[in-house]
Amino acid sequence: MKKFVSLIVIAAAISVSANAQGVLDKLGSLGNVISNAAGVIYSAPVSLNGTYTYNGVAVSATSSEGGILTNLAGTAATSALETKADGYLSNVGITPGAVSFTFNAEDKTFVMNVGKMSIPGTFTVGDGEKTVSLVFGKKFQYLSMTGSLESGLGNVKMVFPVNKAVSLIKKMASTLGQSSSSLGSLVKLADGYDNFRLGFKMSK
């Protein structure tokens, strides 16, 4: 147990280093263990209820090198991807505080507020509160999407397959009266990664 706790502490320290990914690469198999341990920090289930405000882009991805599948959660590679994605969303007006979700756990409805517009929908949580499915209403042409739901470090994270996430983000940009032509670059972020997912970091 002490060794496992030590690995988590090391992972936390590495995740805030500018050269974290390079350190993990040099550590070889131990680096993979540390990287995966970092993912454990951000994997607790969460019950959606109440209002959550958008804080920034969330990215989830794995990378396969030499036949070894590595979870990139908490690494410098993930941080770099999130920084790029944040830039793309900021260009279309989707910035921290500009979007919020209000979930009603009793009737399984939600309202997403984008700017001054409210977009209703329904949601379900499954797999031990680790997955979430959103179905939007008529305003968003009944877009439906299923992704991962996690909590940790004071945030809630929802991430979806990149194509679904980009479809939603384009509709959000349109709601804000912004062109979404530049958002094609979001899909390109997935190149070279396995199981690439994109979504939102939120806090109550």
N, C-alpha and C. Protein backbone atom coordinates (compact mmCIF):
# COMPACT_ATOMS: atom_id res chain seq x y z
N MET A 1 0.83 -1.21 0.00
CA MET A 1 0.00 0.00 0.00
C MET A 1 0.86 1.26 0.00
N LYS A 2 1.97 1.24 0.84
CA LYS A 2 2.84 2.42 0.90
C LYS A 2 3.47 2.69 -0.46
N LYS A 3 3.87 1.61 -1.16
CA LYS A 3 4.47 1.78 -2.48
C LYS A 3 3.48 2.39 -3.45
N PHE A 4 2.19 1.95 -3.37
CA PHE A 4 1.17 2.47 -4.28
C PHE A 4 0.92 3.96 -4.03
N VAL A 5 0.85 4.33 -2.74
CA VAL A 5 0.64 5.75 -2.38
C VAL A 5 1.81 6.57 -2.89
N SER A 6 3.01 6.03 -2.76
CA SER A 6 4.19 6.74 -3.23
C SER A 6 4.14 6.99 -4.72
N LEU A 7 3.65 6.00 -5.47
CA LEU A 7 3.52 6.16 -6.92
C LEU A 7 2.56 7.28 -7.27
N ILE A 8 1.46 7.38 -6.53
CA ILE A 8 0.48 8.44 -6.79
C ILE A 8 1.09 9.81 -6.50
N VAL A 9 1.85 9.91 -5.42
CA VAL A 9 2.50 11.18 -5.08
C VAL A 9 3.49 11.57 -6.16
N ILE A 10 4.27 10.61 -6.63
CA ILE A 10 5.22 10.88 -7.71
C ILE A 10 4.48 11.34 -8.95
N ALA A 11 3.37 10.67 -9.28
CA ALA A 11 2.61 11.04 -10.48
C ALA A 11 2.09 12.45 -10.39
N ALA A 12 1.62 12.85 -9.20
CA ALA A 12 1.09 14.20 -9.02
C ALA A 12 2.18 15.24 -9.25
N ALA A 13 3.38 14.93 -8.76
CA ALA A 13 4.49 15.87 -8.95
C ALA A 13 4.90 15.95 -10.41
N ILE A 14 4.91 14.81 -11.08
CA ILE A 14 5.31 14.79 -12.49
C ILE A 14 4.30 15.53 -13.36
N SER A 15 3.01 15.43 -13.02
CA SER A 15 1.99 16.02 -13.88
C SER A 15 2.09 17.53 -13.98
N VAL A 16 2.74 18.18 -13.01
CA VAL A 16 2.86 19.63 -13.06
C VAL A 16 4.21 20.07 -13.60
N SER A 17 5.00 19.16 -14.03
CA SER A 17 6.30 19.50 -14.60
C SER A 17 6.20 19.72 -16.08
N ALA A 18 6.91 20.71 -16.60
CA ALA A 18 6.87 20.99 -18.04
C ALA A 18 7.48 19.87 -18.84
N ASN A 19 8.36 19.10 -18.24
CA ASN A 19 9.02 18.01 -18.94
C ASN A 19 8.51 16.65 -18.48
N ALA A 20 7.26 16.61 -18.01
CA ALA A 20 6.73 15.39 -17.41
C ALA A 20 6.74 14.21 -18.37
N GLN A 21 6.29 14.43 -19.60
CA GLN A 21 6.20 13.30 -20.52
C GLN A 21 7.58 12.74 -20.83
N GLY A 22 8.56 13.61 -20.95
CA GLY A 22 9.91 13.12 -21.20
C GLY A 22 10.43 12.29 -20.05
N VAL A 23 10.08 12.70 -18.82
CA VAL A 23 10.50 11.93 -17.65
C VAL A 23 9.86 10.54 -17.67
N LEU A 24 8.56 10.50 -18.01
CA LEU A 24 7.86 9.23 -18.06
C LEU A 24 8.47 8.31 -19.11
N ASP A 25 8.84 8.89 -20.25
CA ASP A 25 9.44 8.09 -21.31
C ASP A 25 10.75 7.46 -20.83
N LYS A 26 11.57 8.24 -20.11
CA LYS A 26 12.85 7.74 -19.64
C LYS A 26 12.69 6.67 -18.56
N LEU A 27 11.57 6.74 -17.84
CA LEU A 27 11.35 5.75 -16.79
C LEU A 27 10.91 4.40 -17.32
N GLY A 28 10.56 4.34 -18.60
CA GLY A 28 10.18 3.08 -19.21
C GLY A 28 8.94 2.49 -18.58
N SER A 29 9.01 1.20 -18.19
CA SER A 29 7.83 0.52 -17.66
C SER A 29 7.34 1.15 -16.37
N LEU A 30 8.25 1.67 -15.54
CA LEU A 30 7.83 2.37 -14.33
C LEU A 30 7.04 3.61 -14.68
N GLY A 31 7.46 4.28 -15.75
CA GLY A 31 6.72 5.46 -16.21
C GLY A 31 5.30 5.11 -16.58
N ASN A 32 5.08 3.94 -17.18
CA ASN A 32 3.72 3.51 -17.53
C ASN A 32 2.88 3.29 -16.28
N VAL A 33 3.50 2.70 -15.24
CA VAL A 33 2.78 2.48 -13.99
C VAL A 33 2.39 3.81 -13.37
N ILE A 34 3.34 4.76 -13.36
CA ILE A 34 3.06 6.08 -12.78
C ILE A 34 1.97 6.79 -13.56
N SER A 35 2.05 6.73 -14.89
CA SER A 35 1.05 7.38 -15.73
C SER A 35 -0.33 6.82 -15.47
N ASN A 36 -0.42 5.49 -15.35
CA ASN A 36 -1.71 4.87 -15.09
C ASN A 36 -2.20 5.21 -13.69
N ALA A 37 -1.29 5.33 -12.73
CA ALA A 37 -1.67 5.72 -11.38
C ALA A 37 -2.25 7.11 -11.37
N ALA A 38 -1.73 8.00 -12.21
CA ALA A 38 -2.26 9.36 -12.31
C ALA A 38 -3.71 9.33 -12.75
N GLY A 39 -4.04 8.39 -13.64
CA GLY A 39 -5.41 8.26 -14.10
C GLY A 39 -6.35 7.85 -12.98
N VAL A 40 -5.85 7.05 -12.02
CA VAL A 40 -6.67 6.61 -10.90
C VAL A 40 -7.12 7.79 -10.07
N ILE A 41 -6.27 8.82 -9.95
CA ILE A 41 -6.61 10.01 -9.17
C ILE A 41 -7.88 10.66 -9.71
N TYR A 42 -8.10 10.54 -11.02
CA TYR A 42 -9.21 11.24 -11.67
C TYR A 42 -10.23 10.25 -12.21
N SER A 43 -10.61 9.25 -11.40
CA SER A 43 -11.52 8.25 -11.93
C SER A 43 -12.67 7.91 -10.99
N ALA A 44 -12.88 8.69 -9.94
CA ALA A 44 -13.95 8.40 -9.00
C ALA A 44 -15.31 8.64 -9.65
N PRO A 45 -16.31 7.79 -9.35
CA PRO A 45 -17.64 8.00 -9.91
C PRO A 45 -18.29 9.25 -9.32
N VAL A 46 -19.30 9.78 -10.00
CA VAL A 46 -19.95 10.99 -9.53
C VAL A 46 -21.43 10.94 -9.86
N SER A 47 -22.26 11.43 -8.95
CA SER A 47 -23.70 11.53 -9.18
C SER A 47 -24.01 12.95 -9.64
N LEU A 48 -24.50 13.08 -10.87
CA LEU A 48 -24.79 14.41 -11.40
C LEU A 48 -26.06 14.97 -10.79
N ASN A 49 -25.94 16.11 -10.15
CA ASN A 49 -27.11 16.80 -9.61
C ASN A 49 -26.69 18.21 -9.25
N GLY A 50 -27.46 19.20 -9.71
CA GLY A 50 -27.12 20.58 -9.44
C GLY A 50 -26.48 21.24 -10.64
N THR A 51 -25.90 22.42 -10.40
CA THR A 51 -25.34 23.23 -11.48
C THR A 51 -23.82 23.13 -11.51
N TYR A 52 -23.29 22.89 -12.70
CA TYR A 52 -21.85 22.77 -12.90
C TYR A 52 -21.41 23.78 -13.96
N THR A 53 -20.36 24.52 -13.67
CA THR A 53 -19.87 25.55 -14.57
C THR A 53 -18.63 25.07 -15.31
N TYR A 54 -18.61 25.37 -16.60
CA TYR A 54 -17.49 24.96 -17.45
C TYR A 54 -16.21 25.69 -17.07
N ASN A 55 -15.13 24.91 -16.86
CA ASN A 55 -13.84 25.48 -16.48
C ASN A 55 -12.78 25.36 -17.57
N GLY A 56 -13.01 24.48 -18.52
CA GLY A 56 -12.00 24.27 -19.56
C GLY A 56 -12.20 22.93 -20.23
N VAL A 57 -11.40 22.69 -21.26
CA VAL A 57 -11.51 21.45 -22.03
C VAL A 57 -10.90 20.29 -21.24
N ALA A 58 -11.54 19.14 -21.34
CA ALA A 58 -11.00 17.90 -20.78
C ALA A 58 -10.66 16.96 -21.92
N VAL A 59 -9.52 16.32 -21.82
CA VAL A 59 -9.08 15.36 -22.83
C VAL A 59 -8.74 14.04 -22.14
N SER A 60 -9.16 12.95 -22.75
CA SER A 60 -8.80 11.62 -22.28
C SER A 60 -8.26 10.84 -23.46
N ALA A 61 -7.11 10.22 -23.30
CA ALA A 61 -6.50 9.49 -24.41
C ALA A 61 -5.55 8.43 -23.90
N THR A 62 -5.31 7.45 -24.75
CA THR A 62 -4.27 6.46 -24.47
C THR A 62 -3.33 6.43 -25.66
N SER A 63 -2.12 6.03 -25.41
CA SER A 63 -1.10 5.97 -26.46
C SER A 63 -0.46 4.59 -26.44
N SER A 64 -0.27 4.01 -27.62
CA SER A 64 0.32 2.68 -27.71
C SER A 64 1.69 2.79 -28.37
N GLU A 65 2.72 2.44 -27.61
CA GLU A 65 4.08 2.45 -28.13
C GLU A 65 4.77 1.16 -27.73
N GLY A 66 5.33 0.47 -28.71
CA GLY A 66 6.02 -0.78 -28.42
C GLY A 66 5.09 -1.85 -27.88
N GLY A 67 3.80 -1.77 -28.27
CA GLY A 67 2.83 -2.75 -27.81
C GLY A 67 2.31 -2.51 -26.41
N ILE A 68 2.74 -1.41 -25.78
CA ILE A 68 2.29 -1.09 -24.43
C ILE A 68 1.28 0.07 -24.50
N LEU A 69 0.08 -0.16 -23.96
CA LEU A 69 -0.96 0.86 -23.96
C LEU A 69 -0.85 1.67 -22.68
N THR A 70 -0.65 2.98 -22.83
CA THR A 70 -0.43 3.86 -21.68
C THR A 70 -1.55 4.88 -21.56
N ASN A 71 -2.12 4.99 -20.36
CA ASN A 71 -3.11 6.02 -20.07
C ASN A 71 -2.39 7.35 -19.90
N LEU A 72 -2.81 8.37 -20.67
CA LEU A 72 -2.12 9.65 -20.62
C LEU A 72 -2.68 10.62 -19.58
N ALA A 73 -3.63 10.13 -18.78
CA ALA A 73 -4.25 11.02 -17.79
C ALA A 73 -3.20 11.60 -16.86
N GLY A 74 -3.26 12.92 -16.67
CA GLY A 74 -2.38 13.57 -15.72
C GLY A 74 -0.98 13.83 -16.21
N THR A 75 -0.69 13.58 -17.48
CA THR A 75 0.66 13.79 -17.98
C THR A 75 0.77 15.11 -18.73
N ALA A 76 2.00 15.49 -19.04
CA ALA A 76 2.23 16.72 -19.79
C ALA A 76 1.62 16.63 -21.17
N ALA A 77 1.56 15.43 -21.76
CA ALA A 77 0.95 15.27 -23.08
C ALA A 77 -0.52 15.66 -23.04
N THR A 78 -1.24 15.21 -22.01
CA THR A 78 -2.65 15.57 -21.86
C THR A 78 -2.82 17.07 -21.67
N SER A 79 -1.98 17.65 -20.82
CA SER A 79 -2.06 19.10 -20.57
C SER A 79 -1.85 19.89 -21.85
N ALA A 80 -0.90 19.44 -22.68
CA ALA A 80 -0.64 20.14 -23.95
C ALA A 80 -1.83 20.06 -24.88
N LEU A 81 -2.47 18.89 -24.94
CA LEU A 81 -3.65 18.71 -25.78
C LEU A 81 -4.80 19.59 -25.29
N GLU A 82 -4.99 19.65 -23.98
CA GLU A 82 -6.06 20.47 -23.42
C GLU A 82 -5.82 21.95 -23.67
N THR A 83 -4.56 22.38 -23.60
CA THR A 83 -4.24 23.78 -23.87
C THR A 83 -4.58 24.14 -25.32
N LYS A 84 -4.24 23.26 -26.26
CA LYS A 84 -4.57 23.51 -27.66
C LYS A 84 -6.08 23.57 -27.87
N ALA A 85 -6.78 22.60 -27.29
CA ALA A 85 -8.24 22.55 -27.44
C ALA A 85 -8.89 23.78 -26.81
N ASP A 86 -8.39 24.22 -25.66
CA ASP A 86 -8.92 25.44 -25.01
C ASP A 86 -8.81 26.63 -25.94
N GLY A 87 -7.70 26.70 -26.68
CA GLY A 87 -7.50 27.80 -27.62
C GLY A 87 -8.53 27.79 -28.72
N TYR A 88 -8.81 26.60 -29.27
CA TYR A 88 -9.81 26.49 -30.34
C TYR A 88 -11.20 26.90 -29.84
N LEU A 89 -11.56 26.46 -28.63
CA LEU A 89 -12.88 26.79 -28.11
C LEU A 89 -12.98 28.27 -27.75
N SER A 90 -11.90 28.83 -27.24
CA SER A 90 -11.91 30.27 -26.90
C SER A 90 -12.16 31.11 -28.14
N ASN A 91 -11.64 30.65 -29.28
CA ASN A 91 -11.82 31.39 -30.54
C ASN A 91 -13.27 31.48 -30.97
N VAL A 92 -14.11 30.55 -30.48
CA VAL A 92 -15.53 30.59 -30.86
C VAL A 92 -16.40 30.99 -29.66
N GLY A 93 -15.78 31.59 -28.65
CA GLY A 93 -16.55 32.16 -27.55
C GLY A 93 -16.85 31.22 -26.41
N ILE A 94 -16.33 29.98 -26.47
CA ILE A 94 -16.59 29.03 -25.39
C ILE A 94 -15.43 29.11 -24.41
N THR A 95 -15.64 29.90 -23.39
CA THR A 95 -14.60 30.18 -22.40
C THR A 95 -15.10 29.79 -21.01
N PRO A 96 -14.20 29.64 -20.03
CA PRO A 96 -14.64 29.32 -18.67
C PRO A 96 -15.69 30.29 -18.17
N GLY A 97 -16.78 29.73 -17.65
CA GLY A 97 -17.87 30.54 -17.15
C GLY A 97 -18.96 30.85 -18.16
N ALA A 98 -18.67 30.64 -19.46
CA ALA A 98 -19.66 30.96 -20.50
C ALA A 98 -20.69 29.86 -20.69
N VAL A 99 -20.41 28.67 -20.14
CA VAL A 99 -21.29 27.52 -20.30
C VAL A 99 -21.53 26.88 -18.95
N SER A 100 -22.75 26.41 -18.73
CA SER A 100 -23.03 25.66 -17.50
C SER A 100 -24.08 24.58 -17.79
N PHE A 101 -24.08 23.56 -16.97
CA PHE A 101 -25.07 22.49 -17.03
C PHE A 101 -25.78 22.43 -15.68
N THR A 102 -27.10 22.35 -15.71
CA THR A 102 -27.86 22.11 -14.49
C THR A 102 -28.59 20.79 -14.63
N PHE A 103 -28.22 19.82 -13.77
CA PHE A 103 -28.79 18.48 -13.82
C PHE A 103 -29.80 18.28 -12.70
N ASN A 104 -30.92 17.64 -13.04
CA ASN A 104 -31.93 17.29 -12.06
C ASN A 104 -31.94 15.77 -11.93
N ALA A 105 -31.39 15.26 -10.85
CA ALA A 105 -31.25 13.82 -10.68
C ALA A 105 -32.59 13.11 -10.53
N GLU A 106 -33.63 13.82 -10.11
CA GLU A 106 -34.93 13.19 -9.88
C GLU A 106 -35.63 12.83 -11.18
N ASP A 107 -35.71 13.77 -12.12
CA ASP A 107 -36.42 13.48 -13.37
C ASP A 107 -35.49 13.27 -14.56
N LYS A 108 -34.18 13.26 -14.29
CA LYS A 108 -33.17 12.97 -15.33
C LYS A 108 -33.22 13.97 -16.49
N THR A 109 -33.48 15.23 -16.17
CA THR A 109 -33.43 16.28 -17.17
C THR A 109 -32.24 17.20 -16.88
N PHE A 110 -31.80 17.90 -17.91
CA PHE A 110 -30.74 18.89 -17.71
C PHE A 110 -31.01 20.09 -18.59
N VAL A 111 -30.39 21.19 -18.25
CA VAL A 111 -30.42 22.39 -19.07
C VAL A 111 -28.98 22.86 -19.24
N MET A 112 -28.55 22.99 -20.50
CA MET A 112 -27.23 23.55 -20.76
C MET A 112 -27.40 25.01 -21.13
N ASN A 113 -26.74 25.88 -20.40
CA ASN A 113 -26.80 27.31 -20.69
C ASN A 113 -25.56 27.73 -21.44
N VAL A 114 -25.77 28.25 -22.65
CA VAL A 114 -24.67 28.73 -23.49
C VAL A 114 -24.94 30.21 -23.75
N GLY A 115 -24.12 31.08 -23.16
CA GLY A 115 -24.43 32.49 -23.27
C GLY A 115 -25.77 32.77 -22.62
N LYS A 116 -26.70 33.36 -23.38
CA LYS A 116 -28.02 33.68 -22.85
C LYS A 116 -29.08 32.66 -23.25
N MET A 117 -28.67 31.59 -23.95
CA MET A 117 -29.63 30.59 -24.41
C MET A 117 -29.58 29.35 -23.54
N SER A 118 -30.77 28.77 -23.28
CA SER A 118 -30.87 27.54 -22.50
C SER A 118 -31.30 26.41 -23.43
N ILE A 119 -30.56 25.32 -23.39
CA ILE A 119 -30.84 24.16 -24.24
C ILE A 119 -31.17 22.98 -23.34
N PRO A 120 -32.42 22.50 -23.35
CA PRO A 120 -32.82 21.40 -22.47
C PRO A 120 -32.49 20.04 -23.07
N GLY A 121 -32.54 19.04 -22.19
CA GLY A 121 -32.31 17.67 -22.64
C GLY A 121 -32.55 16.70 -21.50
N THR A 122 -32.26 15.44 -21.77
CA THR A 122 -32.38 14.41 -20.75
C THR A 122 -31.04 13.68 -20.63
N PHE A 123 -30.81 13.05 -19.48
CA PHE A 123 -29.55 12.35 -19.30
C PHE A 123 -29.75 11.07 -18.50
N THR A 124 -28.85 10.15 -18.67
CA THR A 124 -28.81 8.93 -17.87
C THR A 124 -27.36 8.68 -17.47
N VAL A 125 -27.20 8.14 -16.29
CA VAL A 125 -25.87 7.79 -15.77
C VAL A 125 -25.83 6.28 -15.58
N GLY A 126 -24.75 5.64 -16.03
CA GLY A 126 -24.67 4.19 -15.93
C GLY A 126 -23.29 3.72 -15.54
N ASP A 127 -23.12 2.40 -15.59
CA ASP A 127 -21.83 1.75 -15.30
C ASP A 127 -21.24 2.25 -13.99
N GLY A 128 -22.05 2.14 -12.92
CA GLY A 128 -21.55 2.56 -11.61
C GLY A 128 -21.24 4.04 -11.55
N GLU A 129 -22.04 4.84 -12.23
CA GLU A 129 -21.89 6.30 -12.28
C GLU A 129 -20.58 6.73 -12.94
N LYS A 130 -20.12 5.93 -13.90
CA LYS A 130 -18.89 6.27 -14.62
C LYS A 130 -19.14 6.60 -16.09
N THR A 131 -20.38 6.48 -16.55
CA THR A 131 -20.72 6.89 -17.91
C THR A 131 -21.93 7.81 -17.87
N VAL A 132 -22.04 8.66 -18.87
CA VAL A 132 -23.18 9.57 -18.96
C VAL A 132 -23.65 9.65 -20.41
N SER A 133 -24.96 9.63 -20.60
CA SER A 133 -25.55 9.79 -21.93
C SER A 133 -26.41 11.05 -21.92
N LEU A 134 -26.16 11.93 -22.87
CA LEU A 134 -26.92 13.18 -23.01
C LEU A 134 -27.75 13.12 -24.28
N VAL A 135 -29.01 13.50 -24.18
CA VAL A 135 -29.88 13.63 -25.35
C VAL A 135 -30.45 15.04 -25.33
N PHE A 136 -30.06 15.85 -26.31
CA PHE A 136 -30.51 17.23 -26.37
C PHE A 136 -31.88 17.33 -27.04
N GLY A 137 -32.52 18.46 -26.86
CA GLY A 137 -33.83 18.68 -27.43
C GLY A 137 -33.80 19.18 -28.86
N LYS A 138 -34.92 19.71 -29.29
CA LYS A 138 -35.10 20.13 -30.67
C LYS A 138 -34.09 21.20 -31.10
N LYS A 139 -33.73 22.11 -30.18
CA LYS A 139 -32.81 23.19 -30.52
C LYS A 139 -31.48 22.67 -31.04
N PHE A 140 -31.08 21.50 -30.56
CA PHE A 140 -29.82 20.90 -31.01
C PHE A 140 -30.08 19.64 -31.83
N GLN A 141 -31.25 19.60 -32.45
CA GLN A 141 -31.60 18.51 -33.39
C GLN A 141 -31.48 17.14 -32.75
N TYR A 142 -31.84 17.05 -31.47
CA TYR A 142 -31.88 15.79 -30.74
C TYR A 142 -30.54 15.06 -30.75
N LEU A 143 -29.47 15.80 -30.73
CA LEU A 143 -28.13 15.22 -30.67
C LEU A 143 -28.02 14.34 -29.42
N SER A 144 -27.50 13.13 -29.61
CA SER A 144 -27.29 12.23 -28.47
C SER A 144 -25.82 11.81 -28.43
N MET A 145 -25.29 11.62 -27.24
CA MET A 145 -23.88 11.29 -27.08
C MET A 145 -23.66 10.60 -25.74
N THR A 146 -22.79 9.61 -25.74
CA THR A 146 -22.47 8.87 -24.52
C THR A 146 -20.97 8.93 -24.29
N GLY A 147 -20.59 9.22 -23.07
CA GLY A 147 -19.18 9.33 -22.76
C GLY A 147 -18.86 8.92 -21.34
N SER A 148 -17.66 9.24 -20.92
CA SER A 148 -17.19 8.88 -19.58
C SER A 148 -17.45 10.03 -18.61
N LEU A 149 -17.73 9.67 -17.37
CA LEU A 149 -18.02 10.63 -16.32
C LEU A 149 -17.08 10.34 -15.16
N GLU A 150 -16.29 11.34 -14.77
CA GLU A 150 -15.32 11.15 -13.70
C GLU A 150 -15.27 12.38 -12.80
N SER A 151 -14.77 12.18 -11.61
CA SER A 151 -14.57 13.32 -10.72
C SER A 151 -13.20 13.20 -10.08
N GLY A 152 -12.67 14.33 -9.67
CA GLY A 152 -11.38 14.32 -9.01
C GLY A 152 -10.76 15.70 -8.96
N LEU A 153 -9.93 15.94 -7.98
CA LEU A 153 -9.22 17.21 -7.85
C LEU A 153 -10.15 18.41 -7.91
N GLY A 154 -11.36 18.26 -7.34
CA GLY A 154 -12.31 19.37 -7.26
C GLY A 154 -13.12 19.61 -8.50
N ASN A 155 -12.98 18.75 -9.53
CA ASN A 155 -13.72 18.94 -10.77
C ASN A 155 -14.53 17.71 -11.13
N VAL A 156 -15.48 17.91 -12.04
CA VAL A 156 -16.19 16.83 -12.70
C VAL A 156 -15.78 16.87 -14.16
N LYS A 157 -15.54 15.71 -14.73
CA LYS A 157 -15.10 15.66 -16.12
C LYS A 157 -16.03 14.77 -16.93
N MET A 158 -16.56 15.31 -18.04
CA MET A 158 -17.33 14.54 -19.01
C MET A 158 -16.56 14.55 -20.32
N VAL A 159 -16.24 13.37 -20.85
CA VAL A 159 -15.55 13.31 -22.13
C VAL A 159 -16.27 12.35 -23.06
N PHE A 160 -16.28 12.71 -24.35
CA PHE A 160 -17.03 11.97 -25.36
C PHE A 160 -16.14 11.66 -26.55
N PRO A 161 -16.53 10.69 -27.39
CA PRO A 161 -15.79 10.48 -28.64
C PRO A 161 -15.64 11.80 -29.37
N VAL A 162 -14.46 12.05 -29.92
CA VAL A 162 -14.12 13.37 -30.42
C VAL A 162 -15.11 13.88 -31.46
N ASN A 163 -15.60 13.03 -32.35
CA ASN A 163 -16.53 13.49 -33.39
C ASN A 163 -17.85 13.98 -32.78
N LYS A 164 -18.33 13.27 -31.76
CA LYS A 164 -19.56 13.70 -31.09
C LYS A 164 -19.33 15.01 -30.34
N ALA A 165 -18.19 15.11 -29.68
CA ALA A 165 -17.88 16.33 -28.93
C ALA A 165 -17.80 17.53 -29.86
N VAL A 166 -17.16 17.35 -31.01
CA VAL A 166 -17.03 18.46 -31.97
C VAL A 166 -18.40 18.86 -32.51
N SER A 167 -19.29 17.89 -32.75
CA SER A 167 -20.64 18.21 -33.21
C SER A 167 -21.35 19.10 -32.21
N LEU A 168 -21.21 18.78 -30.92
CA LEU A 168 -21.83 19.60 -29.88
C LEU A 168 -21.19 20.98 -29.82
N ILE A 169 -19.88 21.03 -29.88
CA ILE A 169 -19.18 22.31 -29.78
C ILE A 169 -19.54 23.23 -30.94
N LYS A 170 -19.72 22.66 -32.14
CA LYS A 170 -20.14 23.47 -33.29
C LYS A 170 -21.52 24.08 -33.06
N LYS A 171 -22.43 23.30 -32.46
CA LYS A 171 -23.76 23.83 -32.18
C LYS A 171 -23.70 24.91 -31.11
N MET A 172 -22.81 24.72 -30.14
CA MET A 172 -22.63 25.73 -29.10
C MET A 172 -22.09 27.02 -29.71
N ALA A 173 -21.13 26.90 -30.62
CA ALA A 173 -20.56 28.08 -31.28
C ALA A 173 -21.63 28.81 -32.07
N SER A 174 -22.47 28.05 -32.77
CA SER A 174 -23.56 28.66 -33.54
C SER A 174 -24.52 29.42 -32.63
N THR A 175 -24.80 28.84 -31.45
CA THR A 175 -25.67 29.50 -30.48
C THR A 175 -25.09 30.85 -30.05
N LEU A 176 -23.76 30.91 -29.99
CA LEU A 176 -23.08 32.14 -29.59
C LEU A 176 -22.87 33.09 -30.77
N GLY A 177 -23.36 32.70 -31.97
CA GLY A 177 -23.21 33.54 -33.14
C GLY A 177 -21.81 33.54 -33.70
N GLN A 178 -21.05 32.46 -33.45
CA GLN A 178 -19.67 32.37 -33.90
C GLN A 178 -19.52 31.35 -35.03
N SER A 179 -18.57 31.59 -35.92
CA SER A 179 -18.26 30.63 -36.97
C SER A 179 -17.53 29.43 -36.36
N SER A 180 -17.85 28.24 -36.83
CA SER A 180 -17.20 27.04 -36.30
C SER A 180 -16.24 26.42 -37.31
N SER A 181 -15.87 27.18 -38.34
CA SER A 181 -15.04 26.63 -39.41
C SER A 181 -13.66 26.20 -38.91
N SER A 182 -13.18 26.81 -37.84
CA SER A 182 -11.84 26.48 -37.34
C SER A 182 -11.82 25.24 -36.46
N LEU A 183 -12.99 24.69 -36.14
CA LEU A 183 -13.05 23.60 -35.20
C LEU A 183 -12.65 22.25 -35.78
N GLY A 184 -12.43 22.20 -37.10
CA GLY A 184 -11.96 20.96 -37.70
C GLY A 184 -10.61 20.56 -37.11
N SER A 185 -9.87 21.52 -36.62
CA SER A 185 -8.57 21.24 -36.03
C SER A 185 -8.69 20.41 -34.76
N LEU A 186 -9.86 20.44 -34.11
CA LEU A 186 -10.05 19.65 -32.91
C LEU A 186 -9.95 18.16 -33.22
N VAL A 187 -10.50 17.76 -34.37
CA VAL A 187 -10.46 16.35 -34.75
C VAL A 187 -9.02 15.91 -34.98
N LYS A 188 -8.19 16.80 -35.54
CA LYS A 188 -6.81 16.46 -35.83
C LYS A 188 -6.00 16.20 -34.57
N LEU A 189 -6.46 16.72 -33.43
CA LEU A 189 -5.77 16.48 -32.18
C LEU A 189 -5.73 14.99 -31.84
N ALA A 190 -6.71 14.24 -32.36
CA ALA A 190 -6.80 12.82 -32.04
C ALA A 190 -5.79 11.97 -32.79
N ASP A 191 -5.14 12.54 -33.81
CA ASP A 191 -4.19 11.77 -34.61
C ASP A 191 -3.07 11.22 -33.73
N GLY A 192 -2.82 9.94 -33.85
CA GLY A 192 -1.72 9.32 -33.12
C GLY A 192 -2.08 8.81 -31.74
N TYR A 193 -3.36 8.98 -31.35
CA TYR A 193 -3.78 8.51 -30.04
C TYR A 193 -4.90 7.48 -30.17
N ASP A 194 -5.01 6.62 -29.18
CA ASP A 194 -6.09 5.63 -29.14
C ASP A 194 -7.16 6.11 -28.17
N ASN A 195 -8.40 5.78 -28.50
CA ASN A 195 -9.52 6.10 -27.61
C ASN A 195 -9.49 7.56 -27.16
N PHE A 196 -9.31 8.47 -28.12
CA PHE A 196 -9.24 9.90 -27.83
C PHE A 196 -10.64 10.43 -27.56
N ARG A 197 -10.79 11.09 -26.42
CA ARG A 197 -12.09 11.66 -26.05
C ARG A 197 -11.91 13.11 -25.63
N LEU A 198 -12.95 13.88 -25.88
CA LEU A 198 -12.90 15.33 -25.67
C LEU A 198 -14.15 15.77 -24.94
N GLY A 199 -14.02 16.72 -24.04
CA GLY A 199 -15.22 17.15 -23.32
C GLY A 199 -14.95 18.34 -22.43
N PHE A 200 -15.54 18.29 -21.24
CA PHE A 200 -15.59 19.46 -20.38
C PHE A 200 -15.14 19.16 -18.95
N LYS A 201 -14.36 20.08 -18.40
CA LYS A 201 -14.10 20.08 -16.97
C LYS A 201 -15.06 21.07 -16.34
N MET A 202 -15.71 20.66 -15.26
CA MET A 202 -16.71 21.52 -14.65
C MET A 202 -16.59 21.45 -13.13
N SER A 203 -17.07 22.50 -12.49
CA SER A 203 -17.11 22.50 -11.03
C SER A 203 -18.43 23.09 -10.58
N LYS A 204 -18.90 22.66 -9.39
CA LYS A 204 -20.16 23.17 -8.85
C LYS A 204 -19.98 24.59 -8.33
